[in-house]
Amino acid sequence: MSAQPEEHIDMQGYVARKGDRYYAVIYEGTDPITGRERRRWHPAGTDRADAERLAIDLARRRLDDGYERSSLTVAVYLTQRWLPSKKLTLRASTYDSYRRNIDLHITPSIGRVPLRRLRPDHLERLYAELADHGRADGAGGLNPKTIVEIHIILRRALDDAARRGLVVSNPARLAHAPKRRPLSSPTSRVWTAAQLNQFLTGTSDHRYHTALWVTANTGMRRGEILGLRWGDVDLDQELLCVTRSLVSVGYELHETRGKSRTARRNINLDPTTTALLRAWRQRRSEEDPEFDPDDPSGHVFSRPDGAPTHPQ
């Protein structure tokens, strides 16, 4: 049996009947390829009144959604929708970098543009402005690397917007992206063995002499040294495991886990380094009555009160 159309609820939808069942039929625009109108049929049971209520509700939701999409600005989308949704998946330092670039460089220029009206030329003008006078201190433009990072942020954010139906396509994928300048080969300046030995000898009385020694003899980064815990160190086996790093984000401490093989590694210790770590653990026992040498969670190179040492 063919459908029997009923009266329109409004221009967005109406009730139709097939056999003994009613449907709320909602208008969903026109197909961009064929130009034909698109409608979606929603089953509403055998009661006409239920179908009318459903049609009114669905039509109202569509109007509300359409208004929201049309009024959503770039700034609101980036700062209230997209970035908060990434907080659990991004590293704290990456999240903070995204936040600063959005607040300092993106929203002041294109933040008021309705998201659905954002075009590639908006982004190309933004990149040109940032290259010319984008520094917050007014001392010229941003370096190309930072502008590329901003382009990557926008491309990822707008990919998500397209997937959610907030934009038809991603304008960042059509914009001419800035290019990184080829990296020059800087002349490396490293200490000689004699200079390093002189430095370590000169810092022998410094509280963090052992941390400096371990850094010099293992090649560990500062954040890795400060993120090292006693559970990562096996003095009997003369071995330590690098699995995490302590970083500062807005001067708050965050611990990040290494993702690559080079960031997660085991390091064999020489007898001198092992002896220095034993002496350091004894010193920690003497300066902090609450220090527990058997607690694997304690930071190796902590402050006298046991708190983590800030990398800055």
Protein backbone atom coordinates (compact mmCIF):
# COMPACT_ATOMS: atom_id res chain seq x y z
CA MET A 1 0.00 0.00 0.00
CA SER A 2 1.35 3.44 -0.91
CA ALA A 3 1.95 6.03 1.75
CA GLN A 4 -0.86 8.42 2.52
CA PRO A 5 0.53 11.88 3.34
CA GLU A 6 -1.14 13.74 6.14
CA GLU A 7 -1.07 17.43 6.95
CA HIS A 8 2.26 19.19 7.36
CA ILE A 9 3.40 19.96 10.88
CA ASP A 10 5.56 22.75 9.45
CA MET A 11 7.93 23.17 6.52
CA GLN A 12 10.41 20.83 8.20
CA GLY A 13 8.21 17.78 8.57
CA TYR A 14 4.84 16.08 8.33
CA VAL A 15 3.00 12.89 9.28
CA ALA A 16 2.43 10.09 6.76
CA ARG A 17 0.68 6.74 7.01
CA LYS A 18 1.53 3.37 5.51
CA GLY A 19 -1.11 0.79 6.21
CA ASP A 20 -1.99 1.05 9.88
CA ARG A 21 1.30 2.68 10.91
CA TYR A 22 2.23 6.35 11.09
CA TYR A 23 5.58 7.98 10.33
CA ALA A 24 7.11 11.35 11.12
CA VAL A 25 8.74 12.50 7.88
CA ILE A 26 11.44 15.14 8.32
CA TYR A 27 12.90 17.31 5.57
CA GLU A 28 16.72 17.08 5.45
CA GLY A 29 17.62 19.48 2.67
CA THR A 30 18.55 18.73 -0.91
CA ASP A 31 21.08 16.28 -2.26
CA PRO A 32 24.11 18.32 -3.45
CA ILE A 33 24.60 15.97 -6.42
CA THR A 34 21.07 15.27 -7.67
CA GLY A 35 19.35 18.39 -6.35
CA ARG A 36 16.47 16.29 -5.06
CA GLU A 37 14.88 16.89 -1.70
CA ARG A 38 15.87 14.46 1.03
CA ARG A 39 13.45 13.26 3.71
CA ARG A 40 13.88 10.75 6.50
CA TRP A 41 11.01 8.58 7.71
CA HIS A 42 10.81 7.92 11.45
CA PRO A 43 8.45 5.12 12.63
CA ALA A 44 5.89 6.48 15.11
CA GLY A 45 3.59 3.53 15.83
CA THR A 46 -0.13 3.24 15.21
CA ASP A 47 -1.30 6.39 17.00
CA ARG A 48 -1.56 9.54 14.92
CA ALA A 49 -1.17 11.83 17.93
CA ASP A 50 2.13 10.14 18.80
CA ALA A 51 3.31 10.65 15.23
CA GLU A 52 2.41 14.35 15.34
CA ARG A 53 4.28 14.86 18.61
CA LEU A 54 7.32 13.05 17.20
CA ALA A 55 7.24 15.10 13.99
CA ILE A 56 7.04 18.36 15.96
CA ASP A 57 9.89 17.30 18.24
CA LEU A 58 12.15 16.17 15.39
CA ALA A 59 11.42 19.27 13.32
CA ARG A 60 12.18 21.52 16.29
CA ARG A 61 15.45 19.69 16.93
CA ARG A 62 16.46 20.10 13.32
CA LEU A 63 15.74 23.82 13.42
CA ASP A 64 17.69 24.17 16.67
CA ASP A 65 20.61 22.20 15.25
CA GLY A 66 20.58 24.28 12.10
CA TYR A 67 20.60 27.50 14.10
CA GLU A 68 23.44 26.22 16.26
CA ARG A 69 25.52 25.25 13.24
CA SER A 70 24.90 28.59 11.55
CA SER A 71 25.79 30.63 14.66
CA LEU A 72 28.78 28.58 15.83
CA THR A 73 31.95 30.65 15.49
CA VAL A 74 35.51 29.46 15.00
CA ALA A 75 36.44 30.65 18.50
CA VAL A 76 33.55 28.88 20.23
CA TYR A 77 34.16 25.68 18.30
CA LEU A 78 37.90 25.60 19.02
CA THR A 79 37.85 26.68 22.67
CA GLN A 80 34.57 25.17 23.91
CA ARG A 81 34.06 22.13 21.70
CA TRP A 82 37.15 20.79 20.01
CA LEU A 83 40.03 21.49 22.40
CA PRO A 84 38.23 20.26 25.57
CA SER A 85 37.42 17.02 23.74
CA LYS A 86 41.15 16.43 23.23
CA LYS A 87 42.27 16.91 26.82
CA LEU A 88 42.28 13.20 27.65
CA THR A 89 44.10 12.12 24.49
CA LEU A 90 46.79 14.79 24.15
CA ARG A 91 49.89 15.05 26.28
CA ALA A 92 49.67 17.90 28.77
CA SER A 93 52.46 19.80 27.02
CA THR A 94 50.80 19.33 23.60
CA TYR A 95 47.42 20.41 24.95
CA ASP A 96 48.98 23.55 26.46
CA SER A 97 50.74 24.33 23.17
CA TYR A 98 47.43 23.97 21.29
CA ARG A 99 45.66 26.19 23.81
CA ARG A 100 48.28 28.94 23.60
CA ASN A 101 48.34 28.95 19.81
CA ILE A 102 44.54 29.09 19.64
CA ASP A 103 44.29 31.88 22.23
CA LEU A 104 47.23 33.97 20.98
CA HIS A 105 47.21 33.51 17.23
CA ILE A 106 43.99 31.99 15.87
CA THR A 107 40.98 33.44 17.69
CA PRO A 108 42.14 37.11 17.65
CA SER A 109 42.15 36.98 13.84
CA ILE A 110 39.41 34.56 12.73
CA GLY A 111 37.62 33.74 15.99
CA ARG A 112 34.45 35.65 15.09
CA VAL A 113 34.04 34.03 11.68
CA PRO A 114 31.07 31.62 11.61
CA LEU A 115 32.53 28.14 11.37
CA ARG A 116 30.40 27.21 8.34
CA ARG A 117 31.60 30.33 6.48
CA LEU A 118 35.30 29.74 7.07
CA ARG A 119 37.12 29.62 3.73
CA PRO A 120 40.66 28.82 2.62
CA ASP A 121 41.39 32.50 2.01
CA HIS A 122 40.60 33.26 5.68
CA LEU A 123 43.35 30.85 6.65
CA GLU A 124 45.81 32.08 4.04
CA ARG A 125 45.36 35.67 5.27
CA LEU A 126 45.86 34.44 8.84
CA TYR A 127 49.14 32.74 7.93
CA ALA A 128 50.33 35.86 6.08
CA GLU A 129 49.50 38.08 9.07
CA LEU A 130 51.29 35.75 11.46
CA ALA A 131 54.37 35.71 9.24
CA ASP A 132 54.37 39.52 9.06
CA HIS A 133 53.47 40.62 12.61
CA GLY A 134 52.34 37.58 14.58
CA ARG A 135 54.59 37.79 17.62
CA ALA A 136 52.80 38.66 20.85
CA ASP A 137 55.50 41.19 21.78
CA GLY A 138 55.03 43.02 18.48
CA ALA A 139 58.60 42.34 17.39
CA GLY A 140 57.83 40.97 13.95
CA GLY A 141 56.41 37.74 12.60
CA LEU A 142 56.31 34.18 13.82
CA ASN A 143 58.82 31.69 12.54
CA PRO A 144 57.59 29.30 9.82
CA LYS A 145 57.72 26.31 12.17
CA THR A 146 55.14 27.88 14.50
CA ILE A 147 52.86 28.82 11.60
CA VAL A 148 53.02 25.24 10.32
CA GLU A 149 52.04 24.03 13.80
CA ILE A 150 49.05 26.41 13.76
CA HIS A 151 48.04 25.09 10.35
CA ILE A 152 48.20 21.52 11.69
CA ILE A 153 45.97 22.47 14.64
CA LEU A 154 43.38 23.98 12.29
CA ARG A 155 43.53 21.06 9.88
CA ARG A 156 42.91 18.55 12.67
CA ALA A 157 40.16 20.63 14.29
CA LEU A 158 38.36 21.17 11.00
CA ASP A 159 38.69 17.50 10.06
CA ASP A 160 36.72 16.76 13.22
CA ALA A 161 34.20 19.49 12.39
CA ALA A 162 33.63 17.97 8.94
CA ARG A 163 33.20 14.51 10.42
CA ARG A 164 30.56 15.88 12.82
CA GLY A 165 28.68 17.65 10.03
CA LEU A 166 29.51 21.15 11.30
CA VAL A 167 31.19 22.09 8.02
CA VAL A 168 30.74 20.68 4.52
CA SER A 169 34.47 20.35 3.89
CA ASN A 170 37.74 21.22 5.59
CA PRO A 171 39.04 24.59 4.31
CA ALA A 172 42.46 23.94 5.85
CA ARG A 173 42.98 21.13 3.35
CA LEU A 174 42.36 23.56 0.49
CA ALA A 175 44.42 26.45 1.85
CA HIS A 176 48.00 26.92 0.74
CA ALA A 177 49.86 25.84 3.83
CA PRO A 178 53.08 27.55 4.89
CA LYS A 179 56.23 25.57 4.31
CA ARG A 180 58.92 24.83 6.81
CA ARG A 181 62.26 26.34 6.04
CA PRO A 182 64.92 23.72 5.44
CA LEU A 183 66.86 23.17 8.60
CA SER A 184 70.43 24.36 8.47
CA SER A 185 73.10 22.15 9.92
CA PRO A 186 74.15 23.95 13.08
CA THR A 187 77.68 23.60 14.33
CA SER A 188 77.46 21.41 17.40
CA ARG A 189 79.33 22.63 20.45
CA VAL A 190 80.01 19.84 22.90
CA TRP A 191 82.35 19.59 25.83
CA THR A 192 85.51 17.61 25.57
CA ALA A 193 86.09 14.81 28.05
CA ALA A 194 88.44 17.10 29.96
CA GLN A 195 85.82 19.88 30.14
CA LEU A 196 83.13 17.47 31.32
CA ASN A 197 85.45 16.05 33.97
CA GLN A 198 86.29 19.57 35.13
CA PHE A 199 82.57 20.40 35.42
CA LEU A 200 81.76 17.26 37.41
CA THR A 201 84.73 17.84 39.70
CA GLY A 202 83.67 21.45 40.25
CA THR A 203 80.12 20.41 41.21
CA SER A 204 81.14 17.58 43.54
CA ASP A 205 79.74 19.46 46.56
CA HIS A 206 76.47 20.42 44.84
CA ARG A 207 73.35 18.71 46.16
CA TYR A 208 72.47 17.45 42.70
CA HIS A 209 75.98 16.30 41.80
CA THR A 210 74.76 12.70 41.44
CA ALA A 211 71.98 13.81 39.09
CA LEU A 212 74.52 15.70 36.98
CA TRP A 213 76.83 12.67 36.98
CA VAL A 214 74.05 10.31 35.89
CA THR A 215 73.05 12.75 33.14
CA ALA A 216 76.62 12.98 31.87
CA ASN A 217 77.17 9.23 31.92
CA THR A 218 73.83 8.02 30.55
CA GLY A 219 72.73 10.73 28.10
CA MET A 220 69.35 11.00 29.83
CA ARG A 221 67.37 14.18 29.31
CA ARG A 222 66.58 16.56 32.15
CA GLY A 223 62.91 15.54 32.31
CA GLU A 224 63.89 11.86 32.32
CA ILE A 225 66.36 12.39 35.17
CA LEU A 226 63.78 14.25 37.27
CA GLY A 227 61.04 11.72 36.43
CA LEU A 228 63.19 8.77 37.52
CA ARG A 229 61.74 6.80 40.44
CA TRP A 230 63.47 4.34 42.75
CA GLY A 231 61.39 1.55 41.27
CA ASP A 232 63.15 2.25 37.95
CA VAL A 233 66.59 1.66 39.48
CA ASP A 234 68.10 -1.75 40.30
CA LEU A 235 71.41 -1.08 42.02
CA ASP A 236 72.14 -4.76 42.54
CA GLN A 237 71.84 -5.40 38.80
CA GLU A 238 73.45 -2.02 37.98
CA LEU A 239 70.52 -1.15 35.73
CA LEU A 240 67.96 1.61 35.38
CA CYS A 241 64.84 1.82 33.20
CA VAL A 242 63.78 5.04 31.49
CA THR A 243 59.98 5.01 31.14
CA ARG A 244 58.75 8.52 31.92
CA SER A 245 59.61 12.19 31.92
CA LEU A 246 58.70 15.07 34.24
CA VAL A 247 57.64 18.18 32.33
CA SER A 248 56.39 21.63 33.26
CA VAL A 249 53.15 22.92 31.72
CA GLY A 250 52.23 26.39 32.90
CA TYR A 251 54.70 25.70 35.74
CA GLU A 252 52.57 22.73 36.83
CA LEU A 253 54.32 19.37 36.91
CA HIS A 254 53.09 16.60 34.63
CA GLU A 255 54.48 13.13 34.13
CA THR A 256 54.50 11.82 30.58
CA ARG A 257 55.16 8.26 29.46
CA GLY A 258 57.60 7.61 26.66
CA LYS A 259 55.88 6.45 23.45
CA SER A 260 58.86 5.53 21.28
CA ARG A 261 61.50 2.87 21.72
CA THR A 262 64.17 5.51 22.24
CA ALA A 263 62.08 7.11 24.99
CA ARG A 264 61.66 3.74 26.76
CA ARG A 265 64.96 2.04 27.32
CA ASN A 266 67.20 0.23 29.78
CA ILE A 267 70.60 1.64 30.69
CA ASN A 268 73.46 -0.31 32.22
CA LEU A 269 75.28 1.51 35.01
CA ASP A 270 79.01 1.48 35.63
CA PRO A 271 80.28 0.76 39.18
CA THR A 272 81.07 4.43 39.89
CA THR A 273 77.56 5.58 38.96
CA THR A 274 76.05 2.76 41.02
CA ALA A 275 78.15 3.76 44.04
CA LEU A 276 77.09 7.40 43.70
CA LEU A 277 73.41 6.39 43.58
CA ARG A 278 73.84 4.28 46.73
CA ALA A 279 75.46 7.24 48.49
CA TRP A 280 72.68 9.52 47.26
CA ARG A 281 70.01 7.18 48.61
CA GLN A 282 71.79 7.18 51.98
CA ARG A 283 71.88 10.98 51.95
CA ARG A 284 68.14 11.09 51.27
CA SER A 285 67.57 8.85 54.31
CA GLU A 286 69.58 11.24 56.47
CA GLU A 287 68.01 14.50 55.29
CA ASP A 288 64.37 13.33 55.22
CA PRO A 289 63.05 11.24 58.16
CA GLU A 290 60.04 10.23 56.04
CA PHE A 291 62.14 8.93 53.15
CA ASP A 292 61.52 5.23 52.53
CA PRO A 293 64.33 3.64 50.48
CA ASP A 294 62.05 0.70 49.70
CA ASP A 295 59.25 2.85 48.25
CA PRO A 296 59.42 2.36 44.46
CA SER A 297 57.23 5.40 43.78
CA GLY A 298 59.60 7.96 45.28
CA HIS A 299 61.45 10.25 42.88
CA VAL A 300 65.18 9.58 42.90
CA PHE A 301 66.31 13.19 42.58
CA SER A 302 63.66 14.85 44.71
CA ARG A 303 63.86 17.93 46.86
CA PRO A 304 64.89 17.57 50.53
CA ASP A 305 61.21 17.30 51.53
CA GLY A 306 60.62 14.48 49.03
CA ALA A 307 58.68 16.57 46.51
CA PRO A 308 59.62 16.25 42.83
CA THR A 309 62.28 18.68 41.62
CA HIS A 310 60.86 21.20 39.15
CA PRO A 311 62.62 21.06 35.77
CA GLN A 312 62.66 24.85 35.55
